[in-house]
Amino acid sequence: SKIHDALFKICPLGLKPAYRGSFSGVARRFVAPQA
C-alpha cells in the first residue's frame, strides 16, 4: 500500500493472466503439457 498508494487485491477467480517469459529446461518437466 505504501509503495503503490493502493490496497493489495487478490485477482478474481477466473481472470486469465498474460504470460511473459519462459521456463528453463529443468522446470519445463513440472509444467502440465497443455500449459
Full PDB file with SEQRES, HELIX, SHEET, SSBOND, CRYST1, ORIGX, SCALE, CONECT and MASTER records, all heavy atoms in Angstrom:
SEQRES   1 A   35  SER LYS ILE HIS ASP ALA LEU PHE LYS ILE CYS PRO LEU          
SEQRES   2 A   35  GLY LEU LYS PRO ALA TYR ARG GLY SER PHE SER GLY VAL          
SEQRES   3 A   35  ALA ARG ARG PHE VAL ALA PRO GLN ALA                          
HELIX    1 AA1 GLY A   25  ARG A   28  1                                   4    
CRYST1    1.000    1.000    1.000  90.00  90.00  90.00 P 1           1          
ORIGX1      1.000000  0.000000  0.000000        0.00000                         
ORIGX2      0.000000  1.000000  0.000000        0.00000                         
ORIGX3      0.000000  0.000000  1.000000        0.00000                         
SCALE1      1.000000  0.000000  0.000000        0.00000                         
SCALE2      0.000000  1.000000  0.000000        0.00000                         
SCALE3      0.000000  0.000000  1.000000        0.00000                         
ATOM      1  N   SER A   1       0.824  -1.217   0.000  1.00  0.00           N  
ATOM      2  CA  SER A   1       0.000   0.000   0.000  1.00  0.00           C  
ATOM      3  C   SER A   1       0.856   1.264   0.000  1.00  0.00           C  
ATOM      4  O   SER A   1       0.532   2.232  -0.688  1.00  0.00           O  
ATOM      5  CB  SER A   1      -0.932   0.008   1.205  1.00  0.00           C  
ATOM      6  OG  SER A   1      -1.852  -1.042   1.118  1.00  0.00           O  
ATOM      7  N   LYS A   2       1.948   1.253   0.744  1.00  0.00           N  
ATOM      8  CA  LYS A   2       2.836   2.419   0.774  1.00  0.00           C  
ATOM      9  C   LYS A   2       3.523   2.632  -0.575  1.00  0.00           C  
ATOM     10  O   LYS A   2       3.675   3.759  -1.031  1.00  0.00           O  
ATOM     11  CB  LYS A   2       3.892   2.247   1.869  1.00  0.00           C  
ATOM     12  CG  LYS A   2       3.344   2.403   3.265  1.00  0.00           C  
ATOM     13  CD  LYS A   2       4.426   2.169   4.292  1.00  0.00           C  
ATOM     14  CE  LYS A   2       3.871   2.267   5.687  1.00  0.00           C  
ATOM     15  NZ  LYS A   2       4.884   1.956   6.714  1.00  0.00           N  
ATOM     16  N   ILE A   3       3.928   1.534  -1.203  1.00  0.00           N  
ATOM     17  CA  ILE A   3       4.637   1.634  -2.488  1.00  0.00           C  
ATOM     18  C   ILE A   3       3.694   2.056  -3.610  1.00  0.00           C  
ATOM     19  O   ILE A   3       4.028   2.916  -4.419  1.00  0.00           O  
ATOM     20  CB  ILE A   3       5.303   0.289  -2.844  1.00  0.00           C  
ATOM     21  CG1 ILE A   3       6.436  -0.003  -1.854  1.00  0.00           C  
ATOM     22  CG2 ILE A   3       5.819   0.284  -4.284  1.00  0.00           C  
ATOM     23  CD1 ILE A   3       6.992  -1.415  -1.939  1.00  0.00           C  
ATOM     24  N   HIS A   4       2.503   1.456  -3.668  1.00  0.00           N  
ATOM     25  CA  HIS A   4       1.585   1.656  -4.789  1.00  0.00           C  
ATOM     26  C   HIS A   4       0.457   2.641  -4.511  1.00  0.00           C  
ATOM     27  O   HIS A   4      -0.349   2.912  -5.399  1.00  0.00           O  
ATOM     28  CB  HIS A   4       0.989   0.314  -5.217  1.00  0.00           C  
ATOM     29  CG  HIS A   4       2.025  -0.648  -5.704  1.00  0.00           C  
ATOM     30  ND1 HIS A   4       2.577  -0.572  -6.964  1.00  0.00           N  
ATOM     31  CD2 HIS A   4       2.634  -1.694  -5.091  1.00  0.00           C  
ATOM     32  CE1 HIS A   4       3.459  -1.538  -7.116  1.00  0.00           C  
ATOM     33  NE2 HIS A   4       3.518  -2.229  -5.991  1.00  0.00           N  
ATOM     34  N   ASP A   5       0.377   3.132  -3.288  1.00  0.00           N  
ATOM     35  CA  ASP A   5      -0.697   4.044  -2.896  1.00  0.00           C  
ATOM     36  C   ASP A   5      -2.068   3.444  -3.216  1.00  0.00           C  
ATOM     37  O   ASP A   5      -2.973   4.130  -3.706  1.00  0.00           O  
ATOM     38  CB  ASP A   5      -0.531   5.404  -3.571  1.00  0.00           C  
ATOM     39  CG  ASP A   5      -1.369   6.485  -2.893  1.00  0.00           C  
ATOM     40  OD1 ASP A   5      -1.616   6.353  -1.672  1.00  0.00           O  
ATOM     41  OD2 ASP A   5      -1.774   7.434  -3.582  1.00  0.00           O  
ATOM     42  N   ALA A   6      -2.187   2.142  -2.996  1.00  0.00           N  
ATOM     43  CA  ALA A   6      -3.441   1.417  -3.227  1.00  0.00           C  
ATOM     44  C   ALA A   6      -3.413   0.143  -2.392  1.00  0.00           C  
ATOM     45  O   ALA A   6      -2.336  -0.379  -2.080  1.00  0.00           O  
ATOM     46  CB  ALA A   6      -3.588   1.061  -4.700  1.00  0.00           C  
ATOM     47  N   LEU A   7      -4.587  -0.354  -2.055  1.00  0.00           N  
ATOM     48  CA  LEU A   7      -4.667  -1.592  -1.305  1.00  0.00           C  
ATOM     49  C   LEU A   7      -4.340  -2.775  -2.202  1.00  0.00           C  
ATOM     50  O   LEU A   7      -4.682  -2.786  -3.387  1.00  0.00           O  
ATOM     51  CB  LEU A   7      -6.071  -1.779  -0.727  1.00  0.00           C  
ATOM     52  CG  LEU A   7      -6.501  -0.761   0.327  1.00  0.00           C  
ATOM     53  CD1 LEU A   7      -7.950  -1.008   0.725  1.00  0.00           C  
ATOM     54  CD2 LEU A   7      -5.588  -0.842   1.540  1.00  0.00           C  
ATOM     55  N   PHE A   8      -3.690  -3.791  -1.638  1.00  0.00           N  
ATOM     56  CA  PHE A   8      -3.412  -5.021  -2.365  1.00  0.00           C  
ATOM     57  C   PHE A   8      -4.721  -5.771  -2.562  1.00  0.00           C  
ATOM     58  O   PHE A   8      -5.522  -5.900  -1.648  1.00  0.00           O  
ATOM     59  CB  PHE A   8      -2.428  -5.895  -1.584  1.00  0.00           C  
ATOM     60  CG  PHE A   8      -2.211  -7.242  -2.200  1.00  0.00           C  
ATOM     61  CD1 PHE A   8      -1.392  -7.377  -3.305  1.00  0.00           C  
ATOM     62  CD2 PHE A   8      -2.841  -8.356  -1.693  1.00  0.00           C  
ATOM     63  CE1 PHE A   8      -1.195  -8.612  -3.890  1.00  0.00           C  
ATOM     64  CE2 PHE A   8      -2.651  -9.601  -2.262  1.00  0.00           C  
ATOM     65  CZ  PHE A   8      -1.826  -9.728  -3.367  1.00  0.00           C  
ATOM     66  N   LYS A   9      -4.957  -6.259  -3.777  1.00  0.00           N  
ATOM     67  CA  LYS A   9      -6.154  -7.047  -4.069  1.00  0.00           C  
ATOM     68  C   LYS A   9      -5.739  -8.335  -4.759  1.00  0.00           C  
ATOM     69  O   LYS A   9      -4.892  -8.324  -5.650  1.00  0.00           O  
ATOM     70  CB  LYS A   9      -7.112  -6.285  -4.995  1.00  0.00           C  
ATOM     71  CG  LYS A   9      -7.780  -5.104  -4.333  1.00  0.00           C  
ATOM     72  CD  LYS A   9      -8.858  -4.548  -5.229  1.00  0.00           C  
ATOM     73  CE  LYS A   9      -8.252  -3.448  -6.079  1.00  0.00           C  
ATOM     74  NZ  LYS A   9      -9.199  -2.749  -6.912  1.00  0.00           N  
ATOM     75  N   ILE A  10      -6.340  -9.428  -4.336  1.00  0.00           N  
ATOM     76  CA  ILE A  10      -6.110 -10.714  -4.990  1.00  0.00           C  
ATOM     77  C   ILE A  10      -6.957 -10.736  -6.262  1.00  0.00           C  
ATOM     78  O   ILE A  10      -8.105 -10.294  -6.259  1.00  0.00           O  
ATOM     79  CB  ILE A  10      -6.485 -11.879  -4.054  1.00  0.00           C  
ATOM     80  CG1 ILE A  10      -5.545 -11.863  -2.839  1.00  0.00           C  
ATOM     81  CG2 ILE A  10      -6.434 -13.202  -4.785  1.00  0.00           C  
ATOM     82  CD1 ILE A  10      -5.890 -12.861  -1.777  1.00  0.00           C  
ATOM     83  N   CYS A  11      -6.392 -11.252  -7.344  1.00  0.00           N  
ATOM     84  CA  CYS A  11      -7.121 -11.307  -8.617  1.00  0.00           C  
ATOM     85  C   CYS A  11      -8.362 -12.174  -8.470  1.00  0.00           C  
ATOM     86  O   CYS A  11      -8.315 -13.233  -7.836  1.00  0.00           O  
ATOM     87  CB  CYS A  11      -6.246 -11.898  -9.712  1.00  0.00           C  
ATOM     88  SG  CYS A  11      -4.918 -10.819 -10.201  1.00  0.00           S  
ATOM     89  N   PRO A  12      -9.471 -11.755  -9.063  1.00  0.00           N  
ATOM     90  CA  PRO A  12     -10.686 -12.568  -9.011  1.00  0.00           C  
ATOM     91  C   PRO A  12     -10.455 -13.920  -9.690  1.00  0.00           C  
ATOM     92  O   PRO A  12      -9.704 -14.017 -10.666  1.00  0.00           O  
ATOM     93  CB  PRO A  12     -11.704 -11.753  -9.807  1.00  0.00           C  
ATOM     94  CG  PRO A  12     -11.123 -10.402  -9.957  1.00  0.00           C  
ATOM     95  CD  PRO A  12      -9.641 -10.530  -9.804  1.00  0.00           C  
ATOM     96  N   LEU A  13     -11.111 -14.955  -9.168  1.00  0.00           N  
ATOM     97  CA  LEU A  13     -11.003 -16.274  -9.785  1.00  0.00           C  
ATOM     98  C   LEU A  13     -11.497 -16.214 -11.217  1.00  0.00           C  
ATOM     99  O   LEU A  13     -12.454 -15.513 -11.533  1.00  0.00           O  
ATOM    100  CB  LEU A  13     -11.828 -17.289  -8.998  1.00  0.00           C  
ATOM    101  CG  LEU A  13     -11.330 -17.595  -7.599  1.00  0.00           C  
ATOM    102  CD1 LEU A  13     -12.279 -18.556  -6.897  1.00  0.00           C  
ATOM    103  CD2 LEU A  13      -9.939 -18.188  -7.635  1.00  0.00           C  
ATOM    104  N   GLY A  14     -10.842 -16.939 -12.083  1.00  0.00           N  
ATOM    105  CA  GLY A  14     -11.249 -16.990 -13.480  1.00  0.00           C  
ATOM    106  C   GLY A  14     -10.604 -15.938 -14.356  1.00  0.00           C  
ATOM    107  O   GLY A  14     -10.706 -16.009 -15.574  1.00  0.00           O  
ATOM    108  N   LEU A  15      -9.931 -14.968 -13.781  1.00  0.00           N  
ATOM    109  CA  LEU A  15      -9.259 -13.943 -14.568  1.00  0.00           C  
ATOM    110  C   LEU A  15      -7.954 -14.534 -15.105  1.00  0.00           C  
ATOM    111  O   LEU A  15      -7.114 -14.989 -14.347  1.00  0.00           O  
ATOM    112  CB  LEU A  15      -8.968 -12.717 -13.714  1.00  0.00           C  
ATOM    113  CG  LEU A  15      -8.434 -11.489 -14.430  1.00  0.00           C  
ATOM    114  CD1 LEU A  15      -9.419 -11.003 -15.487  1.00  0.00           C  
ATOM    115  CD2 LEU A  15      -8.182 -10.370 -13.435  1.00  0.00           C  
ATOM    116  N   LYS A  16      -7.812 -14.587 -16.401  1.00  0.00           N  
ATOM    117  CA  LYS A  16      -6.646 -15.209 -17.036  1.00  0.00           C  
ATOM    118  C   LYS A  16      -5.501 -14.197 -17.151  1.00  0.00           C  
ATOM    119  O   LYS A  16      -5.690 -13.110 -17.678  1.00  0.00           O  
ATOM    120  CB  LYS A  16      -7.001 -15.702 -18.433  1.00  0.00           C  
ATOM    121  CG  LYS A  16      -8.189 -16.637 -18.462  1.00  0.00           C  
ATOM    122  CD  LYS A  16      -7.754 -18.038 -18.226  1.00  0.00           C  
ATOM    123  CE  LYS A  16      -8.952 -18.944 -18.439  1.00  0.00           C  
ATOM    124  NZ  LYS A  16      -8.948 -20.129 -17.739  1.00  0.00           N  
ATOM    125  N   PRO A  17      -4.307 -14.557 -16.668  1.00  0.00           N  
ATOM    126  CA  PRO A  17      -3.169 -13.632 -16.763  1.00  0.00           C  
ATOM    127  C   PRO A  17      -2.554 -13.628 -18.156  1.00  0.00           C  
ATOM    128  O   PRO A  17      -2.745 -14.549 -18.948  1.00  0.00           O  
ATOM    129  CB  PRO A  17      -2.181 -14.204 -15.746  1.00  0.00           C  
ATOM    130  CG  PRO A  17      -2.473 -15.668 -15.747  1.00  0.00           C  
ATOM    131  CD  PRO A  17      -3.967 -15.782 -15.956  1.00  0.00           C  
ATOM    132  N   ALA A  18      -1.783 -12.617 -18.433  1.00  0.00           N  
ATOM    133  CA  ALA A  18      -0.941 -12.578 -19.626  1.00  0.00           C  
ATOM    134  C   ALA A  18       0.386 -13.207 -19.213  1.00  0.00           C  
ATOM    135  O   ALA A  18       0.931 -12.887 -18.158  1.00  0.00           O  
ATOM    136  CB  ALA A  18      -0.732 -11.139 -20.077  1.00  0.00           C  
ATOM    137  N   TYR A  19       0.886 -14.139 -19.999  1.00  0.00           N  
ATOM    138  CA  TYR A  19       2.129 -14.829 -19.678  1.00  0.00           C  
ATOM    139  C   TYR A  19       3.291 -14.202 -20.432  1.00  0.00           C  
ATOM    140  O   TYR A  19       3.192 -13.922 -21.613  1.00  0.00           O  
ATOM    141  CB  TYR A  19       2.028 -16.309 -20.049  1.00  0.00           C  
ATOM    142  CG  TYR A  19       0.963 -17.044 -19.276  1.00  0.00           C  
ATOM    143  CD1 TYR A  19      -0.276 -17.304 -19.837  1.00  0.00           C  
ATOM    144  CD2 TYR A  19       1.198 -17.458 -17.974  1.00  0.00           C  
ATOM    145  CE1 TYR A  19      -1.256 -17.964 -19.124  1.00  0.00           C  
ATOM    146  CE2 TYR A  19       0.224 -18.122 -17.252  1.00  0.00           C  
ATOM    147  CZ  TYR A  19      -1.007 -18.378 -17.836  1.00  0.00           C  
ATOM    148  OH  TYR A  19      -1.968 -19.028 -17.129  1.00  0.00           O  
ATOM    149  N   ARG A  20       4.404 -14.007 -19.748  1.00  0.00           N  
ATOM    150  CA  ARG A  20       5.628 -13.483 -20.358  1.00  0.00           C  
ATOM    151  C   ARG A  20       6.808 -14.291 -19.830  1.00  0.00           C  
ATOM    152  O   ARG A  20       6.808 -14.714 -18.680  1.00  0.00           O  
ATOM    153  CB  ARG A  20       5.847 -12.002 -19.996  1.00  0.00           C  
ATOM    154  CG  ARG A  20       4.767 -11.083 -20.489  1.00  0.00           C  
ATOM    155  CD  ARG A  20       4.791 -10.959 -22.016  1.00  0.00           C  
ATOM    156  NE  ARG A  20       3.813 -10.024 -22.490  1.00  0.00           N  
ATOM    157  CZ  ARG A  20       2.582 -10.341 -22.895  1.00  0.00           C  
ATOM    158  NH1 ARG A  20       2.176 -11.577 -22.867  1.00  0.00           N  
ATOM    159  NH2 ARG A  20       1.757  -9.417 -23.323  1.00  0.00           N  
ATOM    160  N   GLY A  21       7.806 -14.491 -20.660  1.00  0.00           N  
ATOM    161  CA  GLY A  21       8.984 -15.227 -20.238  1.00  0.00           C  
ATOM    162  C   GLY A  21       8.927 -16.676 -20.686  1.00  0.00           C  
ATOM    163  O   GLY A  21       8.134 -17.051 -21.545  1.00  0.00           O  
ATOM    164  N   SER A  22       9.779 -17.514 -20.095  1.00  0.00           N  
ATOM    165  CA  SER A  22       9.825 -18.930 -20.451  1.00  0.00           C  
ATOM    166  C   SER A  22      10.339 -19.732 -19.258  1.00  0.00           C  
ATOM    167  O   SER A  22      10.874 -19.183 -18.303  1.00  0.00           O  
ATOM    168  CB  SER A  22      10.734 -19.143 -21.657  1.00  0.00           C  
ATOM    169  OG  SER A  22      12.053 -18.745 -21.342  1.00  0.00           O  
ATOM    170  N   PHE A  23      10.166 -21.044 -19.349  1.00  0.00           N  
ATOM    171  CA  PHE A  23      10.659 -21.942 -18.312  1.00  0.00           C  
ATOM    172  C   PHE A  23      12.022 -22.489 -18.717  1.00  0.00           C  
ATOM    173  O   PHE A  23      12.275 -22.707 -19.898  1.00  0.00           O  
ATOM    174  CB  PHE A  23       9.722 -23.140 -18.142  1.00  0.00           C  
ATOM    175  CG  PHE A  23       8.374 -22.792 -17.599  1.00  0.00           C  
ATOM    176  CD1 PHE A  23       7.254 -22.855 -18.405  1.00  0.00           C  
ATOM    177  CD2 PHE A  23       8.222 -22.424 -16.283  1.00  0.00           C  
ATOM    178  CE1 PHE A  23       6.015 -22.547 -17.907  1.00  0.00           C  
ATOM    179  CE2 PHE A  23       6.981 -22.110 -15.768  1.00  0.00           C  
ATOM    180  CZ  PHE A  23       5.875 -22.176 -16.587  1.00  0.00           C  
ATOM    181  N   SER A  24      12.856 -22.759 -17.745  1.00  0.00           N  
ATOM    182  CA  SER A  24      14.130 -23.428 -18.024  1.00  0.00           C  
ATOM    183  C   SER A  24      13.821 -24.882 -18.368  1.00  0.00           C  
ATOM    184  O   SER A  24      12.730 -25.388 -18.094  1.00  0.00           O  
ATOM    185  CB  SER A  24      15.047 -23.369 -16.803  1.00  0.00           C  
ATOM    186  OG  SER A  24      14.525 -24.189 -15.770  1.00  0.00           O  
ATOM    187  N   GLY A  25      14.784 -25.571 -18.940  1.00  0.00           N  
ATOM    188  CA  GLY A  25      14.594 -26.978 -19.284  1.00  0.00           C  
ATOM    189  C   GLY A  25      14.237 -27.824 -18.073  1.00  0.00           C  
ATOM    190  O   GLY A  25      13.411 -28.724 -18.151  1.00  0.00           O  
ATOM    191  N   VAL A  26      14.858 -27.545 -16.944  1.00  0.00           N  
ATOM    192  CA  VAL A  26      14.588 -28.305 -15.724  1.00  0.00           C  
ATOM    193  C   VAL A  26      13.153 -28.073 -15.251  1.00  0.00           C  
ATOM    194  O   VAL A  26      12.437 -29.010 -14.902  1.00  0.00           O  
ATOM    195  CB  VAL A  26      15.580 -27.914 -14.609  1.00  0.00           C  
ATOM    196  CG1 VAL A  26      15.224 -28.579 -13.302  1.00  0.00           C  
ATOM    197  CG2 VAL A  26      16.996 -28.264 -15.018  1.00  0.00           C  
ATOM    198  N   ALA A  27      12.705 -26.841 -15.259  1.00  0.00           N  
ATOM    199  CA  ALA A  27      11.358 -26.515 -14.776  1.00  0.00           C  
ATOM    200  C   ALA A  27      10.270 -27.016 -15.724  1.00  0.00           C  
ATOM    201  O   ALA A  27       9.173 -27.337 -15.287  1.00  0.00           O  
ATOM    202  CB  ALA A  27      11.218 -25.008 -14.600  1.00  0.00           C  
ATOM    203  N   ARG A  28      10.587 -27.114 -17.000  1.00  0.00           N  
ATOM    204  CA  ARG A  28       9.595 -27.482 -18.008  1.00  0.00           C  
ATOM    205  C   ARG A  28       8.948 -28.836 -17.719  1.00  0.00           C  
ATOM    206  O   ARG A  28       7.782 -29.048 -17.984  1.00  0.00           O  
ATOM    207  CB  ARG A  28      10.254 -27.495 -19.393  1.00  0.00           C  
ATOM    208  CG  ARG A  28       9.333 -27.051 -20.475  1.00  0.00           C  
ATOM    209  CD  ARG A  28      10.067 -26.918 -21.805  1.00  0.00           C  
ATOM    210  NE  ARG A  28      10.532 -25.543 -21.945  1.00  0.00           N  
ATOM    211  CZ  ARG A  28      11.751 -25.169 -22.235  1.00  0.00           C  
ATOM    212  NH1 ARG A  28      12.681 -26.057 -22.464  1.00  0.00           N  
ATOM    213  NH2 ARG A  28      12.070 -23.898 -22.321  1.00  0.00           N  
ATOM    214  N   ARG A  29       9.705 -29.756 -17.118  1.00  0.00           N  
ATOM    215  CA  ARG A  29       9.138 -31.091 -16.863  1.00  0.00           C  
ATOM    216  C   ARG A  29       8.062 -31.079 -15.778  1.00  0.00           C  
ATOM    217  O   ARG A  29       7.305 -32.029 -15.645  1.00  0.00           O  
ATOM    218  CB  ARG A  29      10.245 -32.073 -16.522  1.00  0.00           C  
ATOM    219  CG  ARG A  29      10.915 -31.796 -15.202  1.00  0.00           C  
ATOM    220  CD  ARG A  29      12.063 -32.742 -15.000  1.00  0.00           C  
ATOM    221  NE  ARG A  29      12.776 -32.353 -13.800  1.00  0.00           N  
ATOM    222  CZ  ARG A  29      13.372 -33.194 -12.998  1.00  0.00           C  
ATOM    223  NH1 ARG A  29      13.385 -34.470 -13.267  1.00  0.00           N  
ATOM    224  NH2 ARG A  29      13.987 -32.757 -11.926  1.00  0.00           N  
ATOM    225  N   PHE A  30       7.984 -30.008 -14.984  1.00  0.00           N  
ATOM    226  CA  PHE A  30       6.981 -29.915 -13.930  1.00  0.00           C  
ATOM    227  C   PHE A  30       5.716 -29.197 -14.392  1.00  0.00           C  
ATOM    228  O   PHE A  30       4.755 -29.094 -13.647  1.00  0.00           O  
ATOM    229  CB  PHE A  30       7.553 -29.181 -12.710  1.00  0.00           C  
ATOM    230  CG  PHE A  30       8.679 -29.928 -12.068  1.00  0.00           C  
ATOM    231  CD1 PHE A  30       9.990 -29.542 -12.301  1.00  0.00           C  
ATOM    232  CD2 PHE A  30       8.436 -31.016 -11.260  1.00  0.00           C  
ATOM    233  CE1 PHE A  30      11.052 -30.236 -11.713  1.00  0.00           C  
ATOM    234  CE2 PHE A  30       9.468 -31.712 -10.671  1.00  0.00           C  
ATOM    235  CZ  PHE A  30      10.774 -31.329 -10.902  1.00  0.00           C  
ATOM    236  N   VAL A  31       5.729 -28.677 -15.601  1.00  0.00           N  
ATOM    237  CA  VAL A  31       4.590 -27.920 -16.125  1.00  0.00           C  
ATOM    238  C   VAL A  31       3.702 -28.870 -16.911  1.00  0.00           C  
ATOM    239  O   VAL A  31       4.178 -29.678 -17.689  1.00  0.00           O  
ATOM    240  CB  VAL A  31       5.077 -26.764 -17.039  1.00  0.00           C  
ATOM    241  CG1 VAL A  31       3.905 -26.005 -17.608  1.00  0.00           C  
ATOM    242  CG2 VAL A  31       6.006 -25.842 -16.265  1.00  0.00           C  
ATOM    243  N   ALA A  32       2.400 -28.748 -16.713  1.00  0.00           N  
ATOM    244  CA  ALA A  32       1.448 -29.596 -17.442  1.00  0.00           C  
ATOM    245  C   ALA A  32       1.666 -29.399 -18.944  1.00  0.00           C  
ATOM    246  O   ALA A  32       1.877 -28.285 -19.396  1.00  0.00           O  
ATOM    247  CB  ALA A  32       0.026 -29.208 -17.060  1.00  0.00           C  
ATOM    248  N   PRO A  33       1.622 -30.499 -19.719  1.00  0.00           N  
ATOM    249  CA  PRO A  33       1.839 -30.382 -21.174  1.00  0.00           C  
ATOM    250  C   PRO A  33       0.942 -29.347 -21.855  1.00  0.00           C  
ATOM    251  O   PRO A  33       1.394 -28.624 -22.714  1.00  0.00           O  
ATOM    252  CB  PRO A  33       1.538 -31.797 -21.690  1.00  0.00           C  
ATOM    253  CG  PRO A  33       1.768 -32.682 -20.517  1.00  0.00           C  
ATOM    254  CD  PRO A  33       1.382 -31.855 -19.305  1.00  0.00           C  
ATOM    255  N   GLN A  34      -0.312 -29.246 -21.428  1.00  0.00           N  
ATOM    256  CA  GLN A  34      -1.210 -28.282 -22.061  1.00  0.00           C  
ATOM    257  C   GLN A  34      -0.802 -26.842 -21.765  1.00  0.00           C  
ATOM    258  O   GLN A  34      -1.077 -25.943 -22.532  1.00  0.00           O  
ATOM    259  CB  GLN A  34      -2.679 -28.512 -21.656  1.00  0.00           C  
ATOM    260  CG  GLN A  34      -2.967 -28.312 -20.189  1.00  0.00           C  
ATOM    261  CD  GLN A  34      -2.775 -29.560 -19.350  1.00  0.00           C  
ATOM    262  OE1 GLN A  34      -2.087 -30.488 -19.732  1.00  0.00           O  
ATOM    263  NE2 GLN A  34      -3.393 -29.596 -18.192  1.00  0.00           N  
ATOM    264  N   ALA A  35      -0.070 -26.600 -20.677  1.00  0.00           N  
ATOM    265  CA  ALA A  35       0.362 -25.248 -20.339  1.00  0.00           C  
ATOM    266  C   ALA A  35       1.523 -24.798 -21.225  1.00  0.00           C  
ATOM    267  O   ALA A  35       1.728 -23.613 -21.412  1.00  0.00           O  
ATOM    268  CB  ALA A  35       0.771 -25.160 -18.875  1.00  0.00           C  
TER     269      ALA A  35                                                      
MASTER        0    0    0    1    0    0    0    6  268    1    0    3          
END                                                                             
